[in-house]
Amino acid sequence: TWIAPEEGCDFCHNPKKLDSDEKYPKVVARRMLQM
C-alpha cells in the first residue's frame, strides 16, 4: 500500500518464486527496512 499500490507484491517479488532476489527493489526494500 505504501510503496506500490498498483503493482502490489509483484513490484518486489517474482510471484512464482517469492524467495528470489532477482528483482532489485526487493534488495533495496530489505535495506530500507533496516534503515
PDB file of all heavy atoms in Angstrom:
ATOM      1  N   THR A   1       0.833  -1.208   0.000  1.00  0.00           N
ATOM      2  CA  THR A   1       0.000   0.000   0.000  1.00  0.00           C
ATOM      3  C   THR A   1       0.862   1.249   0.000  1.00  0.00           C
ATOM      4  O   THR A   1       0.573   2.228  -0.700  1.00  0.00           O
ATOM      5  CB  THR A   1      -0.938   0.014   1.218  1.00  0.00           C
ATOM      6  OG1 THR A   1      -1.771  -1.141   1.182  1.00  0.00           O
ATOM      7  CG2 THR A   1      -1.791   1.272   1.252  1.00  0.00           C
ATOM      8  N   TRP A   2       1.924   1.231   0.781  1.00  0.00           N
ATOM      9  CA  TRP A   2       2.773   2.409   0.941  1.00  0.00           C
ATOM     10  C   TRP A   2       3.616   2.697  -0.294  1.00  0.00           C
ATOM     11  O   TRP A   2       3.868   3.849  -0.622  1.00  0.00           O
ATOM     12  CB  TRP A   2       3.701   2.211   2.133  1.00  0.00           C
ATOM     13  CG  TRP A   2       3.011   2.153   3.456  1.00  0.00           C
ATOM     14  CD1 TRP A   2       1.768   2.610   3.750  1.00  0.00           C
ATOM     15  CD2 TRP A   2       3.528   1.587   4.665  1.00  0.00           C
ATOM     16  NE1 TRP A   2       1.483   2.374   5.073  1.00  0.00           N
ATOM     17  CE2 TRP A   2       2.541   1.753   5.659  1.00  0.00           C
ATOM     18  CE3 TRP A   2       4.717   0.965   5.014  1.00  0.00           C
ATOM     19  CZ2 TRP A   2       2.712   1.317   6.979  1.00  0.00           C
ATOM     20  CZ3 TRP A   2       4.904   0.530   6.318  1.00  0.00           C
ATOM     21  CH2 TRP A   2       3.912   0.704   7.295  1.00  0.00           C
ATOM     22  N   ILE A   3       4.084   1.647  -0.972  1.00  0.00           N
ATOM     23  CA  ILE A   3       5.111   1.820  -2.000  1.00  0.00           C
ATOM     24  C   ILE A   3       4.609   1.502  -3.405  1.00  0.00           C
ATOM     25  O   ILE A   3       4.928   2.220  -4.351  1.00  0.00           O
ATOM     26  CB  ILE A   3       6.337   0.932  -1.664  1.00  0.00           C
ATOM     27  CG1 ILE A   3       6.932   1.374  -0.323  1.00  0.00           C
ATOM     28  CG2 ILE A   3       7.379   0.999  -2.768  1.00  0.00           C
ATOM     29  CD1 ILE A   3       8.004   0.455   0.199  1.00  0.00           C
ATOM     30  N   ALA A   4       3.839   0.433  -3.564  1.00  0.00           N
ATOM     31  CA  ALA A   4       3.423   0.014  -4.907  1.00  0.00           C
ATOM     32  C   ALA A   4       1.961  -0.432  -4.884  1.00  0.00           C
ATOM     33  O   ALA A   4       1.667  -1.619  -5.034  1.00  0.00           O
ATOM     34  CB  ALA A   4       4.325  -1.112  -5.401  1.00  0.00           C
ATOM     35  N   PRO A   5       1.034   0.493  -4.701  1.00  0.00           N
ATOM     36  CA  PRO A   5      -0.380   0.104  -4.588  1.00  0.00           C
ATOM     37  C   PRO A   5      -0.941  -0.513  -5.866  1.00  0.00           C
ATOM     38  O   PRO A   5      -1.902  -1.280  -5.796  1.00  0.00           O
ATOM     39  CB  PRO A   5      -1.083   1.431  -4.258  1.00  0.00           C
ATOM     40  CG  PRO A   5      -0.152   2.502  -4.713  1.00  0.00           C
ATOM     41  CD  PRO A   5       1.217   1.952  -4.545  1.00  0.00           C
ATOM     42  N   GLU A   6      -0.380  -0.207  -7.025  1.00  0.00           N
ATOM     43  CA  GLU A   6      -0.879  -0.789  -8.273  1.00  0.00           C
ATOM     44  C   GLU A   6      -0.230  -2.139  -8.566  1.00  0.00           C
ATOM     45  O   GLU A   6      -0.907  -3.097  -8.936  1.00  0.00           O
ATOM     46  CB  GLU A   6      -0.630   0.176  -9.427  1.00  0.00           C
ATOM     47  CG  GLU A   6      -1.418   1.478  -9.314  1.00  0.00           C
ATOM     48  CD  GLU A   6      -1.223   2.373 -10.523  1.00  0.00           C
ATOM     49  OE1 GLU A   6      -0.536   1.934 -11.482  1.00  0.00           O
ATOM     50  OE2 GLU A   6      -1.748   3.502 -10.507  1.00  0.00           O
ATOM     51  N   GLU A   7       1.085  -2.235  -8.407  1.00  0.00           N
ATOM     52  CA  GLU A   7       1.789  -3.486  -8.703  1.00  0.00           C
ATOM     53  C   GLU A   7       1.619  -4.521  -7.603  1.00  0.00           C
ATOM     54  O   GLU A   7       1.641  -5.721  -7.849  1.00  0.00           O
ATOM     55  CB  GLU A   7       3.277  -3.220  -8.936  1.00  0.00           C
ATOM     56  CG  GLU A   7       3.565  -2.264 -10.076  1.00  0.00           C
ATOM     57  CD  GLU A   7       3.626  -0.829  -9.610  1.00  0.00           C
ATOM     58  OE1 GLU A   7       3.078  -0.542  -8.522  1.00  0.00           O
ATOM     59  OE2 GLU A   7       4.204   0.015 -10.319  1.00  0.00           O
ATOM     60  N   GLY A   8       1.484  -4.065  -6.362  1.00  0.00           N
ATOM     61  CA  GLY A   8       1.365  -4.992  -5.243  1.00  0.00           C
ATOM     62  C   GLY A   8       2.652  -5.750  -4.996  1.00  0.00           C
ATOM     63  O   GLY A   8       3.760  -5.240  -5.215  1.00  0.00           O
ATOM     64  N   CYS A   9       2.512  -6.981  -4.582  1.00  0.00           N
ATOM     65  CA  CYS A   9       3.681  -7.801  -4.226  1.00  0.00           C
ATOM     66  C   CYS A   9       4.630  -7.999  -5.394  1.00  0.00           C
ATOM     67  O   CYS A   9       5.847  -8.171  -5.212  1.00  0.00           O
ATOM     68  CB  CYS A   9       3.234  -9.169  -3.706  1.00  0.00           C
ATOM     69  SG  CYS A   9       2.120  -9.096  -2.288  1.00  0.00           S
ATOM     70  N   ASP A  10       4.082  -7.981  -6.631  1.00  0.00           N
ATOM     71  CA  ASP A  10       4.912  -8.250  -7.804  1.00  0.00           C
ATOM     72  C   ASP A  10       5.962  -7.172  -8.037  1.00  0.00           C
ATOM     73  O   ASP A  10       6.895  -7.383  -8.809  1.00  0.00           O
ATOM     74  CB  ASP A  10       4.034  -8.359  -9.055  1.00  0.00           C
ATOM     75  CG  ASP A  10       3.116  -9.575  -9.005  1.00  0.00           C
ATOM     76  OD1 ASP A  10       3.274 -10.380  -8.068  1.00  0.00           O
ATOM     77  OD2 ASP A  10       2.250  -9.692  -9.883  1.00  0.00           O
ATOM     78  N   PHE A  11       5.819  -6.017  -7.404  1.00  0.00           N
ATOM     79  CA  PHE A  11       6.821  -4.967  -7.593  1.00  0.00           C
ATOM     80  C   PHE A  11       8.185  -5.417  -7.079  1.00  0.00           C
ATOM     81  O   PHE A  11       9.207  -5.101  -7.683  1.00  0.00           O
ATOM     82  CB  PHE A  11       6.383  -3.693  -6.865  1.00  0.00           C
ATOM     83  CG  PHE A  11       7.333  -2.546  -7.044  1.00  0.00           C
ATOM     84  CD1 PHE A  11       7.408  -1.867  -8.245  1.00  0.00           C
ATOM     85  CD2 PHE A  11       8.169  -2.140  -6.006  1.00  0.00           C
ATOM     86  CE1 PHE A  11       8.297  -0.813  -8.424  1.00  0.00           C
ATOM     87  CE2 PHE A  11       9.059  -1.096  -6.162  1.00  0.00           C
ATOM     88  CZ  PHE A  11       9.119  -0.426  -7.384  1.00  0.00           C
ATOM     89  N   CYS A  12       8.212  -6.134  -5.994  1.00  0.00           N
ATOM     90  CA  CYS A  12       9.476  -6.607  -5.413  1.00  0.00           C
ATOM     91  C   CYS A  12       9.734  -8.090  -5.666  1.00  0.00           C
ATOM     92  O   CYS A  12      10.892  -8.518  -5.672  1.00  0.00           O
ATOM     93  CB  CYS A  12       9.488  -6.364  -3.907  1.00  0.00           C
ATOM     94  SG  CYS A  12       9.654  -4.629  -3.416  1.00  0.00           S
ATOM     95  N   HIS A  13       8.678  -8.872  -5.834  1.00  0.00           N
ATOM     96  CA  HIS A  13       8.822 -10.327  -5.852  1.00  0.00           C
ATOM     97  C   HIS A  13       8.483 -10.928  -7.210  1.00  0.00           C
ATOM     98  O   HIS A  13       7.634 -10.402  -7.947  1.00  0.00           O
ATOM     99  CB  HIS A  13       7.898 -10.971  -4.810  1.00  0.00           C
ATOM    100  CG  HIS A  13       8.218 -10.607  -3.395  1.00  0.00           C
ATOM    101  ND1 HIS A  13       9.168 -11.268  -2.655  1.00  0.00           N
ATOM    102  CD2 HIS A  13       7.714  -9.638  -2.584  1.00  0.00           C
ATOM    103  CE1 HIS A  13       9.233 -10.733  -1.444  1.00  0.00           C
ATOM    104  NE2 HIS A  13       8.363  -9.743  -1.380  1.00  0.00           N
ATOM    105  N   ASN A  14       9.146 -12.035  -7.509  1.00  0.00           N
ATOM    106  CA  ASN A  14       8.702 -12.935  -8.564  1.00  0.00           C
ATOM    107  C   ASN A  14       7.563 -13.756  -7.974  1.00  0.00           C
ATOM    108  O   ASN A  14       7.785 -14.532  -7.045  1.00  0.00           O
ATOM    109  CB  ASN A  14       9.851 -13.837  -9.009  1.00  0.00           C
ATOM    110  CG  ASN A  14       9.449 -14.842 -10.070  1.00  0.00           C
ATOM    111  OD1 ASN A  14       8.265 -15.076 -10.316  1.00  0.00           O
ATOM    112  ND2 ASN A  14      10.425 -15.473 -10.699  1.00  0.00           N
ATOM    113  N   PRO A  15       6.330 -13.599  -8.446  1.00  0.00           N
ATOM    114  CA  PRO A  15       5.202 -14.279  -7.801  1.00  0.00           C
ATOM    115  C   PRO A  15       5.308 -15.792  -7.809  1.00  0.00           C
ATOM    116  O   PRO A  15       4.681 -16.459  -6.978  1.00  0.00           O
ATOM    117  CB  PRO A  15       3.987 -13.791  -8.619  1.00  0.00           C
ATOM    118  CG  PRO A  15       4.549 -13.344  -9.928  1.00  0.00           C
ATOM    119  CD  PRO A  15       5.923 -12.811  -9.618  1.00  0.00           C
ATOM    120  N   LYS A  16       6.118 -16.339  -8.720  1.00  0.00           N
ATOM    121  CA  LYS A  16       6.279 -17.788  -8.772  1.00  0.00           C
ATOM    122  C   LYS A  16       7.424 -18.273  -7.886  1.00  0.00           C
ATOM    123  O   LYS A  16       7.584 -19.479  -7.682  1.00  0.00           O
ATOM    124  CB  LYS A  16       6.528 -18.230 -10.214  1.00  0.00           C
ATOM    125  CG  LYS A  16       5.355 -17.938 -11.143  1.00  0.00           C
ATOM    126  CD  LYS A  16       5.638 -18.436 -12.549  1.00  0.00           C
ATOM    127  CE  LYS A  16       4.457 -18.155 -13.474  1.00  0.00           C
ATOM    128  NZ  LYS A  16       4.729 -18.630 -14.860  1.00  0.00           N
ATOM    129  N   LYS A  17       8.216 -17.345  -7.389  1.00  0.00           N
ATOM    130  CA  LYS A  17       9.340 -17.718  -6.519  1.00  0.00           C
ATOM    131  C   LYS A  17       9.606 -16.548  -5.571  1.00  0.00           C
ATOM    132  O   LYS A  17      10.497 -15.723  -5.804  1.00  0.00           O
ATOM    133  CB  LYS A  17      10.582 -18.057  -7.354  1.00  0.00           C
ATOM    134  CG  LYS A  17      11.718 -18.679  -6.557  1.00  0.00           C
ATOM    135  CD  LYS A  17      12.833 -19.110  -7.481  1.00  0.00           C
ATOM    136  CE  LYS A  17      14.019 -19.681  -6.709  1.00  0.00           C
ATOM    137  NZ  LYS A  17      13.651 -20.830  -5.865  1.00  0.00           N
ATOM    138  N   LEU A  18       8.808 -16.453  -4.525  1.00  0.00           N
ATOM    139  CA  LEU A  18       8.837 -15.298  -3.634  1.00  0.00           C
ATOM    140  C   LEU A  18      10.181 -15.095  -2.946  1.00  0.00           C
ATOM    141  O   LEU A  18      10.536 -13.979  -2.576  1.00  0.00           O
ATOM    142  CB  LEU A  18       7.728 -15.428  -2.581  1.00  0.00           C
ATOM    143  CG  LEU A  18       6.292 -15.302  -3.087  1.00  0.00           C
ATOM    144  CD1 LEU A  18       5.303 -15.584  -1.956  1.00  0.00           C
ATOM    145  CD2 LEU A  18       6.038 -13.927  -3.686  1.00  0.00           C
ATOM    146  N   ASP A  19      10.933 -16.167  -2.744  1.00  0.00           N
ATOM    147  CA  ASP A  19      12.197 -16.039  -2.021  1.00  0.00           C
ATOM    148  C   ASP A  19      13.334 -15.554  -2.916  1.00  0.00           C
ATOM    149  O   ASP A  19      14.440 -15.290  -2.439  1.00  0.00           O
ATOM    150  CB  ASP A  19      12.585 -17.383  -1.391  1.00  0.00           C
ATOM    151  CG  ASP A  19      12.714 -18.491  -2.424  1.00  0.00           C
ATOM    152  OD1 ASP A  19      11.890 -18.527  -3.357  1.00  0.00           O
ATOM    153  OD2 ASP A  19      13.638 -19.322  -2.296  1.00  0.00           O
ATOM    154  N   SER A  20      13.091 -15.392  -4.205  1.00  0.00           N
ATOM    155  CA  SER A  20      14.147 -14.971  -5.122  1.00  0.00           C
ATOM    156  C   SER A  20      14.479 -13.491  -4.916  1.00  0.00           C
ATOM    157  O   SER A  20      13.612 -12.668  -4.636  1.00  0.00           O
ATOM    158  CB  SER A  20      13.693 -15.204  -6.569  1.00  0.00           C
ATOM    159  OG  SER A  20      14.606 -14.623  -7.474  1.00  0.00           O
ATOM    160  N   ASP A  21      15.760 -13.163  -5.091  1.00  0.00           N
ATOM    161  CA  ASP A  21      16.227 -11.777  -5.016  1.00  0.00           C
ATOM    162  C   ASP A  21      16.495 -11.204  -6.406  1.00  0.00           C
ATOM    163  O   ASP A  21      17.258 -10.250  -6.562  1.00  0.00           O
ATOM    164  CB  ASP A  21      17.517 -11.687  -4.187  1.00  0.00           C
ATOM    165  CG  ASP A  21      17.261 -11.890  -2.707  1.00  0.00           C
ATOM    166  OD1 ASP A  21      16.088 -11.859  -2.294  1.00  0.00           O
ATOM    167  OD2 ASP A  21      18.241 -12.074  -1.956  1.00  0.00           O
ATOM    168  N   GLU A  22      15.853 -11.750  -7.433  1.00  0.00           N
ATOM    169  CA  GLU A  22      16.158 -11.338  -8.797  1.00  0.00           C
ATOM    170  C   GLU A  22      15.723  -9.918  -9.110  1.00  0.00           C
ATOM    171  O   GLU A  22      16.265  -9.289 -10.030  1.00  0.00           O
ATOM    172  CB  GLU A  22      15.501 -12.307  -9.786  1.00  0.00           C
ATOM    173  CG  GLU A  22      13.981 -12.355  -9.700  1.00  0.00           C
ATOM    174  CD  GLU A  22      13.388 -13.490 -10.513  1.00  0.00           C
ATOM    175  OE1 GLU A  22      13.392 -14.640 -10.030  1.00  0.00           O
ATOM    176  OE2 GLU A  22      12.942 -13.204 -11.642  1.00  0.00           O
ATOM    177  N   LYS A  23      14.736  -9.389  -8.396  1.00  0.00           N
ATOM    178  CA  LYS A  23      14.281  -8.026  -8.624  1.00  0.00           C
ATOM    179  C   LYS A  23      14.990  -7.081  -7.659  1.00  0.00           C
ATOM    180  O   LYS A  23      14.937  -7.282  -6.437  1.00  0.00           O
ATOM    181  CB  LYS A  23      12.767  -7.920  -8.450  1.00  0.00           C
ATOM    182  CG  LYS A  23      11.970  -8.627  -9.527  1.00  0.00           C
ATOM    183  CD  LYS A  23      10.493  -8.280  -9.430  1.00  0.00           C
ATOM    184  CE  LYS A  23       9.700  -8.870 -10.583  1.00  0.00           C
ATOM    185  NZ  LYS A  23       8.273  -8.458 -10.541  1.00  0.00           N
ATOM    186  N   TYR A  24      15.625  -6.050  -8.227  1.00  0.00           N
ATOM    187  CA  TYR A  24      16.410  -5.155  -7.378  1.00  0.00           C
ATOM    188  C   TYR A  24      15.580  -4.420  -6.321  1.00  0.00           C
ATOM    189  O   TYR A  24      16.087  -4.142  -5.221  1.00  0.00           O
ATOM    190  CB  TYR A  24      17.191  -4.155  -8.239  1.00  0.00           C
ATOM    191  CG  TYR A  24      16.444  -2.900  -8.605  1.00  0.00           C
ATOM    192  CD1 TYR A  24      16.491  -1.759  -7.796  1.00  0.00           C
ATOM    193  CD2 TYR A  24      15.675  -2.834  -9.765  1.00  0.00           C
ATOM    194  CE1 TYR A  24      15.802  -0.611  -8.132  1.00  0.00           C
ATOM    195  CE2 TYR A  24      14.992  -1.685 -10.106  1.00  0.00           C
ATOM    196  CZ  TYR A  24      15.061  -0.576  -9.284  1.00  0.00           C
ATOM    197  OH  TYR A  24      14.374   0.560  -9.610  1.00  0.00           O
ATOM    198  N   PRO A  25      14.270  -4.096  -6.565  1.00  0.00           N
ATOM    199  CA  PRO A  25      13.514  -3.428  -5.499  1.00  0.00           C
ATOM    200  C   PRO A  25      13.425  -4.229  -4.206  1.00  0.00           C
ATOM    201  O   PRO A  25      13.331  -3.652  -3.117  1.00  0.00           O
ATOM    202  CB  PRO A  25      12.128  -3.225  -6.122  1.00  0.00           C
ATOM    203  CG  PRO A  25      12.382  -3.144  -7.585  1.00  0.00           C
ATOM    204  CD  PRO A  25      13.488  -4.141  -7.824  1.00  0.00           C
ATOM    205  N   LYS A  26      13.467  -5.538  -4.304  1.00  0.00           N
ATOM    206  CA  LYS A  26      13.416  -6.349  -3.085  1.00  0.00           C
ATOM    207  C   LYS A  26      14.686  -6.159  -2.264  1.00  0.00           C
ATOM    208  O   LYS A  26      14.632  -6.034  -1.037  1.00  0.00           O
ATOM    209  CB  LYS A  26      13.241  -7.831  -3.437  1.00  0.00           C
ATOM    210  CG  LYS A  26      13.173  -8.728  -2.200  1.00  0.00           C
ATOM    211  CD  LYS A  26      13.089 -10.193  -2.578  1.00  0.00           C
ATOM    212  CE  LYS A  26      13.093 -11.072  -1.330  1.00  0.00           C
ATOM    213  NZ  LYS A  26      13.095 -12.524  -1.662  1.00  0.00           N
ATOM    214  N   VAL A  27      15.824  -6.135  -2.931  1.00  0.00           N
ATOM    215  CA  VAL A  27      17.091  -5.945  -2.229  1.00  0.00           C
ATOM    216  C   VAL A  27      17.135  -4.552  -1.601  1.00  0.00           C
ATOM    217  O   VAL A  27      17.579  -4.384  -0.461  1.00  0.00           O
ATOM    218  CB  VAL A  27      18.275  -6.143  -3.196  1.00  0.00           C
ATOM    219  CG1 VAL A  27      19.602  -5.966  -2.467  1.00  0.00           C
ATOM    220  CG2 VAL A  27      18.201  -7.517  -3.850  1.00  0.00           C
ATOM    221  N   VAL A  28      16.646  -3.548  -2.346  1.00  0.00           N
ATOM    222  CA  VAL A  28      16.612  -2.191  -1.817  1.00  0.00           C
ATOM    223  C   VAL A  28      15.656  -2.099  -0.642  1.00  0.00           C
ATOM    224  O   VAL A  28      15.964  -1.496   0.393  1.00  0.00           O
ATOM    225  CB  VAL A  28      16.212  -1.197  -2.918  1.00  0.00           C
ATOM    226  CG1 VAL A  28      16.040   0.208  -2.356  1.00  0.00           C
ATOM    227  CG2 VAL A  28      17.263  -1.177  -4.031  1.00  0.00           C
ATOM    228  N   ALA A  29      14.471  -2.712  -0.772  1.00  0.00           N
ATOM    229  CA  ALA A  29      13.474  -2.655   0.298  1.00  0.00           C
ATOM    230  C   ALA A  29      13.995  -3.283   1.580  1.00  0.00           C
ATOM    231  O   ALA A  29      13.724  -2.791   2.693  1.00  0.00           O
ATOM    232  CB  ALA A  29      12.195  -3.354  -0.146  1.00  0.00           C
ATOM    233  N   ARG A  30      14.739  -4.343   1.446  1.00  0.00           N
ATOM    234  CA  ARG A  30      15.321  -5.002   2.628  1.00  0.00           C
ATOM    235  C   ARG A  30      16.228  -4.035   3.387  1.00  0.00           C
ATOM    236  O   ARG A  30      16.173  -3.931   4.612  1.00  0.00           O
ATOM    237  CB  ARG A  30      16.101  -6.237   2.172  1.00  0.00           C
ATOM    238  CG  ARG A  30      16.741  -7.035   3.287  1.00  0.00           C
ATOM    239  CD  ARG A  30      17.539  -8.179   2.682  1.00  0.00           C
ATOM    240  NE  ARG A  30      16.685  -9.243   2.173  1.00  0.00           N
ATOM    241  CZ  ARG A  30      16.955  -9.988   1.107  1.00  0.00           C
ATOM    242  NH1 ARG A  30      18.052  -9.732   0.392  1.00  0.00           N
ATOM    243  NH2 ARG A  30      16.146 -10.948   0.737  1.00  0.00           N
ATOM    244  N   ARG A  31      17.046  -3.298   2.633  1.00  0.00           N
ATOM    245  CA  ARG A  31      17.955  -2.343   3.267  1.00  0.00           C
ATOM    246  C   ARG A  31      17.189  -1.146   3.829  1.00  0.00           C
ATOM    247  O   ARG A  31      17.549  -0.604   4.885  1.00  0.00           O
ATOM    248  CB  ARG A  31      18.976  -1.870   2.231  1.00  0.00           C
ATOM    249  CG  ARG A  31      20.141  -1.106   2.818  1.00  0.00           C
ATOM    250  CD  ARG A  31      20.992  -1.965   3.698  1.00  0.00           C
ATOM    251  NE  ARG A  31      22.167  -1.248   4.184  1.00  0.00           N
ATOM    252  CZ  ARG A  31      22.618  -1.325   5.419  1.00  0.00           C
ATOM    253  NH1 ARG A  31      22.005  -2.073   6.320  1.00  0.00           N
ATOM    254  NH2 ARG A  31      23.704  -0.655   5.777  1.00  0.00           N
ATOM    255  N   MET A  32      16.113  -0.747   3.156  1.00  0.00           N
ATOM    256  CA  MET A  32      15.327   0.385   3.640  1.00  0.00           C
ATOM    257  C   MET A  32      14.596   0.037   4.939  1.00  0.00           C
ATOM    258  O   MET A  32      14.379   0.903   5.796  1.00  0.00           O
ATOM    259  CB  MET A  32      14.326   0.812   2.575  1.00  0.00           C
ATOM    260  CG  MET A  32      14.936   1.408   1.315  1.00  0.00           C
ATOM    261  SD  MET A  32      15.920   2.928   1.590  1.00  0.00           S
ATOM    262  CE  MET A  32      17.596   2.242   1.706  1.00  0.00           C
ATOM    263  N   LEU A  33      14.188  -1.204   5.093  1.00  0.00           N
ATOM    264  CA  LEU A  33      13.562  -1.620   6.352  1.00  0.00           C
ATOM    265  C   LEU A  33      14.565  -1.516   7.503  1.00  0.00           C
ATOM    266  O   LEU A  33      14.216  -1.095   8.611  1.00  0.00           O
ATOM    267  CB  LEU A  33      13.028  -3.046   6.229  1.00  0.00           C
ATOM    268  CG  LEU A  33      11.760  -3.204   5.391  1.00  0.00           C
ATOM    269  CD1 LEU A  33      11.505  -4.676   5.069  1.00  0.00           C
ATOM    270  CD2 LEU A  33      10.565  -2.611   6.128  1.00  0.00           C
ATOM    271  N   GLN A  34      15.806  -1.909   7.237  1.00  0.00           N
ATOM    272  CA  GLN A  34      16.846  -1.742   8.257  1.00  0.00           C
ATOM    273  C   GLN A  34      17.064  -0.269   8.567  1.00  0.00           C
ATOM    274  O   GLN A  34      17.228   0.120   9.727  1.00  0.00           O
ATOM    275  CB  GLN A  34      18.149  -2.384   7.774  1.00  0.00           C
ATOM    276  CG  GLN A  34      18.092  -3.898   7.651  1.00  0.00           C
ATOM    277  CD  GLN A  34      19.351  -4.472   7.034  1.00  0.00           C
ATOM    278  OE1 GLN A  34      19.895  -3.931   6.071  1.00  0.00           O
ATOM    279  NE2 GLN A  34      19.836  -5.575   7.589  1.00  0.00           N
ATOM    280  N   MET A  35      17.027   0.569   7.530  1.00  0.00           N
ATOM    281  CA  MET A  35      17.210   1.999   7.719  1.00  0.00           C
ATOM    282  C   MET A  35      16.070   2.582   8.560  1.00  0.00           C
ATOM    283  O   MET A  35      16.305   3.417   9.448  1.00  0.00           O
ATOM    284  CB  MET A  35      17.277   2.705   6.366  1.00  0.00           C
ATOM    285  CG  MET A  35      17.512   4.208   6.442  1.00  0.00           C
ATOM    286  SD  MET A  35      17.454   5.031   4.830  1.00  0.00           S
ATOM    287  CE  MET A  35      15.668   5.045   4.571  1.00  0.00           C
TER     288      MET A  35
END
